[in-house]
């Protein structure tokens, strides 16, 4: 885990209403049970989280800050969501 991240920042990234969440959608990924979250903490720091689980709490892996591609994907999702609400 990156030492610049606190658990509070990670939790905030999961609470981001515009976060991009990718869940297993094929048998291969259902077996591996990997979940991805691209969210932004309240301070604006992007956090990419990979969560692995087998129905119980599992290890989490983090890598901040967002890479340019991740930032683009997040901003595109944000713009799409905001355009739908107007």
PDB file of N, CA and C in Angstrom:
ATOM      1  N   UNK A   1       0.847  -1.181   0.000  1.00  0.00           N
ATOM      2  CA  UNK A   1       0.000   0.000   0.000  1.00  0.00           C
ATOM      3  C   UNK A   1       0.889   1.238   0.000  1.00  0.00           C
ATOM      4  N   UNK A   2       0.475   2.227  -0.730  1.00  0.00           N
ATOM      5  CA  UNK A   2       1.214   3.481  -0.824  1.00  0.00           C
ATOM      6  C   UNK A   2       1.187   4.178   0.533  1.00  0.00           C
ATOM      7  N   UNK A   3       2.359   4.575   1.071  1.00  0.00           N
ATOM      8  CA  UNK A   3       2.384   5.226   2.389  1.00  0.00           C
ATOM      9  C   UNK A   3       1.710   6.594   2.416  1.00  0.00           C
ATOM     10  N   UNK A   4       1.477   7.206   1.250  1.00  0.00           N
ATOM     11  CA  UNK A   4       0.828   8.521   1.244  1.00  0.00           C
ATOM     12  C   UNK A   4      -0.687   8.414   1.415  1.00  0.00           C
ATOM     13  N   UNK A   5      -1.208   7.195   1.394  1.00  0.00           N
ATOM     14  CA  UNK A   5      -2.654   6.988   1.539  1.00  0.00           C
ATOM     15  C   UNK A   5      -3.006   6.620   2.969  1.00  0.00           C
ATOM     16  N   UNK A   6      -4.061   7.231   3.463  1.00  0.00           N
ATOM     17  CA  UNK A   6      -4.598   6.813   4.748  1.00  0.00           C
ATOM     18  C   UNK A   6      -5.860   6.000   4.482  1.00  0.00           C
ATOM     19  N   UNK A   7      -6.284   5.235   5.445  1.00  0.00           N
ATOM     20  CA  UNK A   7      -7.519   4.471   5.270  1.00  0.00           C
ATOM     21  C   UNK A   7      -8.703   5.398   5.060  1.00  0.00           C
ATOM     22  N   UNK A   8      -8.667   6.597   5.647  1.00  0.00           N
ATOM     23  CA  UNK A   8      -9.738   7.569   5.454  1.00  0.00           C
ATOM     24  C   UNK A   8      -9.872   7.984   3.990  1.00  0.00           C
ATOM     25  N   UNK A   9      -8.730   8.217   3.311  1.00  0.00           N
ATOM     26  CA  UNK A   9      -8.766   8.580   1.891  1.00  0.00           C
ATOM     27  C   UNK A   9      -9.344   7.441   1.054  1.00  0.00           C
ATOM     28  N   UNK A  10      -8.966   6.236   1.392  1.00  0.00           N
ATOM     29  CA  UNK A  10      -9.458   5.076   0.656  1.00  0.00           C
ATOM     30  C   UNK A  10     -10.966   4.937   0.844  1.00  0.00           C
ATOM     31  N   UNK A  11     -11.430   5.082   2.079  1.00  0.00           N
ATOM     32  CA  UNK A  11     -12.865   5.003   2.351  1.00  0.00           C
ATOM     33  C   UNK A  11     -13.617   6.099   1.607  1.00  0.00           C
ATOM     34  N   UNK A  12     -13.065   7.304   1.577  1.00  0.00           N
ATOM     35  CA  UNK A  12     -13.707   8.410   0.859  1.00  0.00           C
ATOM     36  C   UNK A  12     -13.830   8.100  -0.625  1.00  0.00           C
ATOM     37  N   UNK A  13     -12.828   7.440  -1.201  1.00  0.00           N
ATOM     38  CA  UNK A  13     -12.890   7.119  -2.626  1.00  0.00           C
ATOM     39  C   UNK A  13     -14.018   6.134  -2.919  1.00  0.00           C
ATOM     40  N   UNK A  14     -14.345   5.257  -1.975  1.00  0.00           N
ATOM     41  CA  UNK A  14     -15.462   4.331  -2.149  1.00  0.00           C
ATOM     42  C   UNK A  14     -16.799   5.045  -1.998  1.00  0.00           C
ATOM     43  N   UNK A  15     -16.833   6.133  -1.259  1.00  0.00           N
ATOM     44  CA  UNK A  15     -18.075   6.889  -1.054  1.00  0.00           C
ATOM     45  C   UNK A  15     -18.335   7.895  -2.174  1.00  0.00           C
ATOM     46  N   UNK A  16     -17.398   8.057  -3.083  1.00  0.00           N
ATOM     47  CA  UNK A  16     -17.538   8.993  -4.197  1.00  0.00           C
ATOM     48  C   UNK A  16     -18.746   8.579  -5.055  1.00  0.00           C
ATOM     49  N   UNK A  17     -19.750   9.456  -5.177  1.00  0.00           N
ATOM     50  CA  UNK A  17     -20.937   9.077  -5.962  1.00  0.00           C
ATOM     51  C   UNK A  17     -20.654   8.939  -7.455  1.00  0.00           C
ATOM     52  N   UNK A  18     -19.539   9.459  -7.930  1.00  0.00           N
ATOM     53  CA  UNK A  18     -19.198   9.373  -9.348  1.00  0.00           C
ATOM     54  C   UNK A  18     -18.119   8.331  -9.617  1.00  0.00           C
ATOM     55  N   UNK A  19     -17.797   7.525  -8.638  1.00  0.00           N
ATOM     56  CA  UNK A  19     -16.751   6.517  -8.793  1.00  0.00           C
ATOM     57  C   UNK A  19     -17.105   5.548  -9.918  1.00  0.00           C
ATOM     58  N   UNK A  20     -16.079   5.060 -10.562  1.00  0.00           N
ATOM     59  CA  UNK A  20     -16.245   4.033 -11.586  1.00  0.00           C
ATOM     60  C   UNK A  20     -15.986   2.704 -10.897  1.00  0.00           C
ATOM     61  N   UNK A  21     -17.006   1.852 -10.885  1.00  0.00           N
ATOM     62  CA  UNK A  21     -16.893   0.550 -10.239  1.00  0.00           C
ATOM     63  C   UNK A  21     -17.040  -0.540 -11.299  1.00  0.00           C
ATOM     64  N   UNK A  22     -16.062  -1.389 -11.363  1.00  0.00           N
ATOM     65  CA  UNK A  22     -16.088  -2.486 -12.318  1.00  0.00           C
ATOM     66  C   UNK A  22     -16.209  -3.788 -11.544  1.00  0.00           C
ATOM     67  N   UNK A  23     -17.248  -4.543 -11.846  1.00  0.00           N
ATOM     68  CA  UNK A  23     -17.524  -5.797 -11.158  1.00  0.00           C
ATOM     69  C   UNK A  23     -17.330  -6.952 -12.132  1.00  0.00           C
ATOM     70  N   UNK A  24     -17.145  -8.164 -11.628  1.00  0.00           N
ATOM     71  CA  UNK A  24     -16.966  -9.314 -12.527  1.00  0.00           C
ATOM     72  C   UNK A  24     -18.165  -9.470 -13.462  1.00  0.00           C
ATOM     73  N   UNK A  25     -17.883  -9.675 -14.755  1.00  0.00           N
ATOM     74  CA  UNK A  25     -18.970  -9.851 -15.719  1.00  0.00           C
ATOM     75  C   UNK A  25     -18.765 -11.059 -16.621  1.00  0.00           C
ATOM     76  N   UNK A  26     -17.822 -11.899 -16.272  1.00  0.00           N
ATOM     77  CA  UNK A  26     -17.598 -13.114 -17.047  1.00  0.00           C
ATOM     78  C   UNK A  26     -17.236 -14.236 -16.074  1.00  0.00           C
ATOM     79  N   UNK A  27     -17.425 -15.480 -16.478  1.00  0.00           N
ATOM     80  CA  UNK A  27     -17.096 -16.595 -15.578  1.00  0.00           C
ATOM     81  C   UNK A  27     -15.657 -16.546 -15.071  1.00  0.00           C
ATOM     82  N   UNK A  28     -14.730 -16.138 -15.939  1.00  0.00           N
ATOM     83  CA  UNK A  28     -13.324 -16.075 -15.524  1.00  0.00           C
ATOM     84  C   UNK A  28     -13.135 -15.127 -14.345  1.00  0.00           C
ATOM     85  N   UNK A  29     -13.737 -13.944 -14.447  1.00  0.00           N
ATOM     86  CA  UNK A  29     -13.548 -12.956 -13.391  1.00  0.00           C
ATOM     87  C   UNK A  29     -14.420 -13.241 -12.176  1.00  0.00           C
ATOM     88  N   UNK A  30     -15.528 -13.943 -12.359  1.00  0.00           N
ATOM     89  CA  UNK A  30     -16.339 -14.332 -11.206  1.00  0.00           C
ATOM     90  C   UNK A  30     -15.565 -15.293 -10.320  1.00  0.00           C
ATOM     91  N   UNK A  31     -14.784 -16.193 -10.942  1.00  0.00           N
ATOM     92  CA  UNK A  31     -13.978 -17.140 -10.177  1.00  0.00           C
ATOM     93  C   UNK A  31     -12.879 -16.408  -9.421  1.00  0.00           C
ATOM     94  N   UNK A  32     -12.247 -15.435 -10.074  1.00  0.00           N
ATOM     95  CA  UNK A  32     -11.163 -14.698  -9.439  1.00  0.00           C
ATOM     96  C   UNK A  32     -11.673 -13.650  -8.459  1.00  0.00           C
ATOM     97  N   UNK A  33     -12.943 -13.287  -8.590  1.00  0.00           N
ATOM     98  CA  UNK A  33     -13.601 -12.343  -7.670  1.00  0.00           C
ATOM     99  C   UNK A  33     -12.790 -11.069  -7.446  1.00  0.00           C
ATOM    100  N   UNK A  34     -12.504 -10.372  -8.533  1.00  0.00           N
ATOM    101  CA  UNK A  34     -11.805  -9.085  -8.445  1.00  0.00           C
ATOM    102  C   UNK A  34     -12.779  -7.960  -8.743  1.00  0.00           C
ATOM    103  N   UNK A  35     -12.707  -6.914  -7.937  1.00  0.00           N
ATOM    104  CA  UNK A  35     -13.542  -5.733  -8.100  1.00  0.00           C
ATOM    105  C   UNK A  35     -12.619  -4.528  -8.197  1.00  0.00           C
ATOM    106  N   UNK A  36     -12.979  -3.563  -9.036  1.00  0.00           N
ATOM    107  CA  UNK A  36     -12.151  -2.377  -9.236  1.00  0.00           C
ATOM    108  C   UNK A  36     -12.962  -1.136  -8.900  1.00  0.00           C
ATOM    109  N   UNK A  37     -12.324  -0.169  -8.273  1.00  0.00           N
ATOM    110  CA  UNK A  37     -12.971   1.093  -7.934  1.00  0.00           C
ATOM    111  C   UNK A  37     -12.017   2.231  -8.262  1.00  0.00           C
ATOM    112  N   UNK A  38     -12.494   3.165  -9.080  1.00  0.00           N
ATOM    113  CA  UNK A  38     -11.751   4.403  -9.346  1.00  0.00           C
ATOM    114  C   UNK A  38     -12.578   5.518  -8.739  1.00  0.00           C
ATOM    115  N   UNK A  39     -12.113   6.058  -7.639  1.00  0.00           N
ATOM    116  CA  UNK A  39     -12.842   7.102  -6.950  1.00  0.00           C
ATOM    117  C   UNK A  39     -11.929   8.225  -6.526  1.00  0.00           C
ATOM    118  N   UNK A  40     -12.539   9.335  -6.157  1.00  0.00           N
ATOM    119  CA  UNK A  40     -11.779  10.504  -5.722  1.00  0.00           C
ATOM    120  C   UNK A  40     -12.132  10.794  -4.274  1.00  0.00           C
ATOM    121  N   UNK A  41     -11.117  11.007  -3.450  1.00  0.00           N
ATOM    122  CA  UNK A  41     -11.322  11.371  -2.050  1.00  0.00           C
ATOM    123  C   UNK A  41     -11.777  12.821  -1.980  1.00  0.00           C
ATOM    124  N   UNK A  42     -12.256  13.245  -0.828  1.00  0.00           N
ATOM    125  CA  UNK A  42     -12.777  14.609  -0.658  1.00  0.00           C
ATOM    126  C   UNK A  42     -11.731  15.671  -0.997  1.00  0.00           C
ATOM    127  N   UNK A  43     -10.472  15.373  -0.799  1.00  0.00           N
ATOM    128  CA  UNK A  43      -9.410  16.325  -1.101  1.00  0.00           C
ATOM    129  C   UNK A  43      -9.010  16.368  -2.559  1.00  0.00           C
ATOM    130  N   UNK A  44      -9.663  15.547  -3.407  1.00  0.00           N
ATOM    131  CA  UNK A  44      -9.374  15.552  -4.826  1.00  0.00           C
ATOM    132  C   UNK A  44      -8.363  14.525  -5.278  1.00  0.00           C
ATOM    133  N   UNK A  45      -7.872  13.693  -4.368  1.00  0.00           N
ATOM    134  CA  UNK A  45      -6.874  12.688  -4.735  1.00  0.00           C
ATOM    135  C   UNK A  45      -7.567  11.459  -5.306  1.00  0.00           C
ATOM    136  N   UNK A  46      -7.177  11.077  -6.529  1.00  0.00           N
ATOM    137  CA  UNK A  46      -7.744   9.889  -7.161  1.00  0.00           C
ATOM    138  C   UNK A  46      -7.139   8.631  -6.581  1.00  0.00           C
ATOM    139  N   UNK A  47      -7.981   7.650  -6.319  1.00  0.00           N
ATOM    140  CA  UNK A  47      -7.516   6.386  -5.742  1.00  0.00           C
ATOM    141  C   UNK A  47      -8.060   5.242  -6.587  1.00  0.00           C
ATOM    142  N   UNK A  48      -7.172   4.388  -7.076  1.00  0.00           N
ATOM    143  CA  UNK A  48      -7.552   3.187  -7.811  1.00  0.00           C
ATOM    144  C   UNK A  48      -7.405   2.008  -6.861  1.00  0.00           C
ATOM    145  N   UNK A  49      -8.485   1.261  -6.664  1.00  0.00           N
ATOM    146  CA  UNK A  49      -8.481   0.157  -5.705  1.00  0.00           C
ATOM    147  C   UNK A  49      -8.850  -1.137  -6.406  1.00  0.00           C
ATOM    148  N   UNK A  50      -8.094  -2.173  -6.131  1.00  0.00           N
ATOM    149  CA  UNK A  50      -8.446  -3.521  -6.566  1.00  0.00           C
ATOM    150  C   UNK A  50      -8.796  -4.282  -5.295  1.00  0.00           C
ATOM    151  N   UNK A  51     -10.008  -4.824  -5.264  1.00  0.00           N
ATOM    152  CA  UNK A  51     -10.480  -5.546  -4.088  1.00  0.00           C
ATOM    153  C   UNK A  51     -10.716  -6.984  -4.501  1.00  0.00           C
ATOM    154  N   UNK A  52     -10.057  -7.898  -3.843  1.00  0.00           N
ATOM    155  CA  UNK A  52     -10.260  -9.315  -4.122  1.00  0.00           C
ATOM    156  C   UNK A  52     -10.961  -9.946  -2.937  1.00  0.00           C
ATOM    157  N   UNK A  53     -11.948 -10.755  -3.239  1.00  0.00           N
ATOM    158  CA  UNK A  53     -12.697 -11.397  -2.152  1.00  0.00           C
ATOM    159  C   UNK A  53     -13.290 -12.704  -2.627  1.00  0.00           C
ATOM    160  N   UNK A  54     -13.588 -13.552  -1.674  1.00  0.00           N
ATOM    161  CA  UNK A  54     -14.239 -14.826  -1.963  1.00  0.00           C
ATOM    162  C   UNK A  54     -15.519 -14.950  -1.136  1.00  0.00           C
ATOM    163  N   UNK A  55     -16.196 -13.855  -0.917  1.00  0.00           N
ATOM    164  CA  UNK A  55     -17.390 -13.850  -0.081  1.00  0.00           C
ATOM    165  C   UNK A  55     -17.096 -13.393   1.333  1.00  0.00           C
ATOM    166  N   UNK A  56     -15.838 -13.277   1.658  1.00  0.00           N
ATOM    167  CA  UNK A  56     -15.396 -12.780   2.963  1.00  0.00           C
ATOM    168  C   UNK A  56     -14.494 -11.577   2.698  1.00  0.00           C
ATOM    169  N   UNK A  57     -14.141 -10.900   3.748  1.00  0.00           N
ATOM    170  CA  UNK A  57     -13.230  -9.755   3.577  1.00  0.00           C
ATOM    171  C   UNK A  57     -11.928 -10.242   2.970  1.00  0.00           C
ATOM    172  N   UNK A  58     -11.449  -9.531   1.979  1.00  0.00           N
ATOM    173  CA  UNK A  58     -10.222  -9.936   1.310  1.00  0.00           C
ATOM    174  C   UNK A  58      -9.221  -8.813   1.289  1.00  0.00           C
ATOM    175  N   UNK A  59      -8.032  -9.082   0.787  1.00  0.00           N
ATOM    176  CA  UNK A  59      -7.015  -8.029   0.727  1.00  0.00           C
ATOM    177  C   UNK A  59      -7.370  -6.975  -0.308  1.00  0.00           C
ATOM    178  N   UNK A  60      -6.932  -5.750  -0.060  1.00  0.00           N
ATOM    179  CA  UNK A  60      -7.148  -4.640  -0.984  1.00  0.00           C
ATOM    180  C   UNK A  60      -5.785  -4.114  -1.425  1.00  0.00           C
ATOM    181  N   UNK A  61      -5.711  -3.711  -2.669  1.00  0.00           N
ATOM    182  CA  UNK A  61      -4.471  -3.182  -3.226  1.00  0.00           C
ATOM    183  C   UNK A  61      -4.761  -1.801  -3.793  1.00  0.00           C
ATOM    184  N   UNK A  62      -3.894  -0.855  -3.517  1.00  0.00           N
ATOM    185  CA  UNK A  62      -4.126   0.529  -3.914  1.00  0.00           C
ATOM    186  C   UNK A  62      -2.937   1.058  -4.696  1.00  0.00           C
ATOM    187  N   UNK A  63      -3.222   1.986  -5.602  1.00  0.00           N
ATOM    188  CA  UNK A  63      -2.158   2.630  -6.342  1.00  0.00           C
ATOM    189  C   UNK A  63      -2.591   4.028  -6.739  1.00  0.00           C
ATOM    190  N   UNK A  64      -2.303   5.033  -5.944  1.00  0.00           N
ATOM    191  CA  UNK A  64      -2.619   6.397  -6.349  1.00  0.00           C
ATOM    192  C   UNK A  64      -1.392   7.023  -6.982  1.00  0.00           C
ATOM    193  N   UNK A  65      -1.449   8.179  -7.540  1.00  0.00           N
ATOM    194  CA  UNK A  65      -2.673   8.852  -7.967  1.00  0.00           C
ATOM    195  C   UNK A  65      -3.145   8.262  -9.283  1.00  0.00           C
ATOM    196  N   UNK A  66      -4.235   8.786  -9.829  1.00  0.00           N
ATOM    197  CA  UNK A  66      -4.739   8.313 -11.105  1.00  0.00           C
ATOM    198  C   UNK A  66      -3.686   8.482 -12.189  1.00  0.00           C
ATOM    199  N   UNK A  67      -3.596   7.499 -13.055  1.00  0.00           N
ATOM    200  CA  UNK A  67      -2.823   7.638 -14.286  1.00  0.00           C
ATOM    201  C   UNK A  67      -3.672   8.485 -15.238  1.00  0.00           C
ATOM    202  N   UNK A  68      -3.094   9.065 -16.286  1.00  0.00           N
ATOM    203  CA  UNK A  68      -3.884   9.894 -17.209  1.00  0.00           C
ATOM    204  C   UNK A  68      -5.109   9.168 -17.770  1.00  0.00           C
ATOM    205  N   UNK A  69      -4.972   7.878 -18.089  1.00  0.00           N
ATOM    206  CA  UNK A  69      -6.098   7.128 -18.644  1.00  0.00           C
ATOM    207  C   UNK A  69      -7.218   6.960 -17.613  1.00  0.00           C
ATOM    208  N   UNK A  70      -6.834   6.710 -16.377  1.00  0.00           N
ATOM    209  CA  UNK A  70      -7.828   6.548 -15.306  1.00  0.00           C
ATOM    210  C   UNK A  70      -8.541   7.869 -15.037  1.00  0.00           C
ATOM    211  N   UNK A  71      -7.786   8.953 -15.060  1.00  0.00           N
ATOM    212  CA  UNK A  71      -8.384  10.271 -14.850  1.00  0.00           C
ATOM    213  C   UNK A  71      -9.372  10.587 -15.977  1.00  0.00           C
ATOM    214  N   UNK A  72      -9.004  10.251 -17.218  1.00  0.00           N
ATOM    215  CA  UNK A  72      -9.895  10.465 -18.357  1.00  0.00           C
ATOM    216  C   UNK A  72     -11.182   9.659 -18.182  1.00  0.00           C
ATOM    217  N   UNK A  73     -11.067   8.386 -17.820  1.00  0.00           N
ATOM    218  CA  UNK A  73     -12.237   7.540 -17.627  1.00  0.00           C
ATOM    219  C   UNK A  73     -13.135   8.094 -16.521  1.00  0.00           C
ATOM    220  N   UNK A  74     -12.532   8.522 -15.422  1.00  0.00           N
ATOM    221  CA  UNK A  74     -13.307   9.081 -14.311  1.00  0.00           C
ATOM    222  C   UNK A  74     -14.021  10.362 -14.742  1.00  0.00           C
ATOM    223  N   UNK A  75     -13.302  11.263 -15.408  1.00  0.00           N
ATOM    224  CA  UNK A  75     -13.902  12.529 -15.825  1.00  0.00           C
ATOM    225  C   UNK A  75     -15.009  12.305 -16.858  1.00  0.00           C
ATOM    226  N   UNK A  76     -14.838  11.331 -17.741  1.00  0.00           N
ATOM    227  CA  UNK A  76     -15.880  11.009 -18.713  1.00  0.00           C
ATOM    228  C   UNK A  76     -17.132  10.492 -18.016  1.00  0.00           C
ATOM    229  N   UNK A  77     -16.936   9.629 -17.027  1.00  0.00           N
ATOM    230  CA  UNK A  77     -18.079   9.101 -16.261  1.00  0.00           C
ATOM    231  C   UNK A  77     -18.772  10.232 -15.503  1.00  0.00           C
ATOM    232  N   UNK A  78     -18.003  11.127 -14.911  1.00  0.00           N
ATOM    233  CA  UNK A  78     -18.545  12.260 -14.181  1.00  0.00           C
ATOM    234  C   UNK A  78     -19.387  13.146 -15.108  1.00  0.00           C
ATOM    235  N   UNK A  79     -18.845  13.479 -16.272  1.00  0.00           N
ATOM    236  CA  UNK A  79     -19.577  14.330 -17.227  1.00  0.00           C
ATOM    237  C   UNK A  79     -20.853  13.642 -17.702  1.00  0.00           C
ATOM    238  N   UNK A  80     -20.779  12.344 -17.951  1.00  0.00           N
ATOM    239  CA  UNK A  80     -21.958  11.603 -18.400  1.00  0.00           C
ATOM    240  C   UNK A  80     -23.048  11.596 -17.331  1.00  0.00           C
ATOM    241  N   UNK A  81     -22.666  11.345 -16.103  1.00  0.00           N
ATOM    242  CA  UNK A  81     -23.624  11.298 -14.996  1.00  0.00           C
ATOM    243  C   UNK A  81     -24.258  12.663 -14.772  1.00  0.00           C
ATOM    244  N   UNK A  82     -23.450  13.717 -14.811  1.00  0.00           N
ATOM    245  CA  UNK A  82     -23.981  15.063 -14.596  1.00  0.00           C
ATOM    246  C   UNK A  82     -24.894  15.501 -15.741  1.00  0.00           C
ATOM    247  N   UNK A  83     -24.591  15.084 -16.965  1.00  0.00           N
ATOM    248  CA  UNK A  83     -25.430  15.462 -18.105  1.00  0.00           C
ATOM    249  C   UNK A  83     -26.790  14.761 -18.054  1.00  0.00           C
ATOM    250  N   UNK A  84     -26.847  13.572 -17.460  1.00  0.00           N
ATOM    251  CA  UNK A  84     -28.106  12.848 -17.333  1.00  0.00           C
ATOM    252  C   UNK A  84     -29.020  13.465 -16.281  1.00  0.00           C
ATOM    253  N   UNK A  85     -28.437  14.102 -15.282  1.00  0.00           N
ATOM    254  CA  UNK A  85     -29.244  14.650 -14.191  1.00  0.00           C
ATOM    255  C   UNK A  85     -29.849  16.008 -14.527  1.00  0.00           C
ATOM    256  N   UNK A  86     -29.431  16.648 -15.625  1.00  0.00           N
ATOM    257  CA  UNK A  86     -29.994  17.948 -15.964  1.00  0.00           C
ATOM    258  C   UNK A  86     -31.165  17.837 -16.906  1.00  0.00           C
TER     259      UNK A  86
END
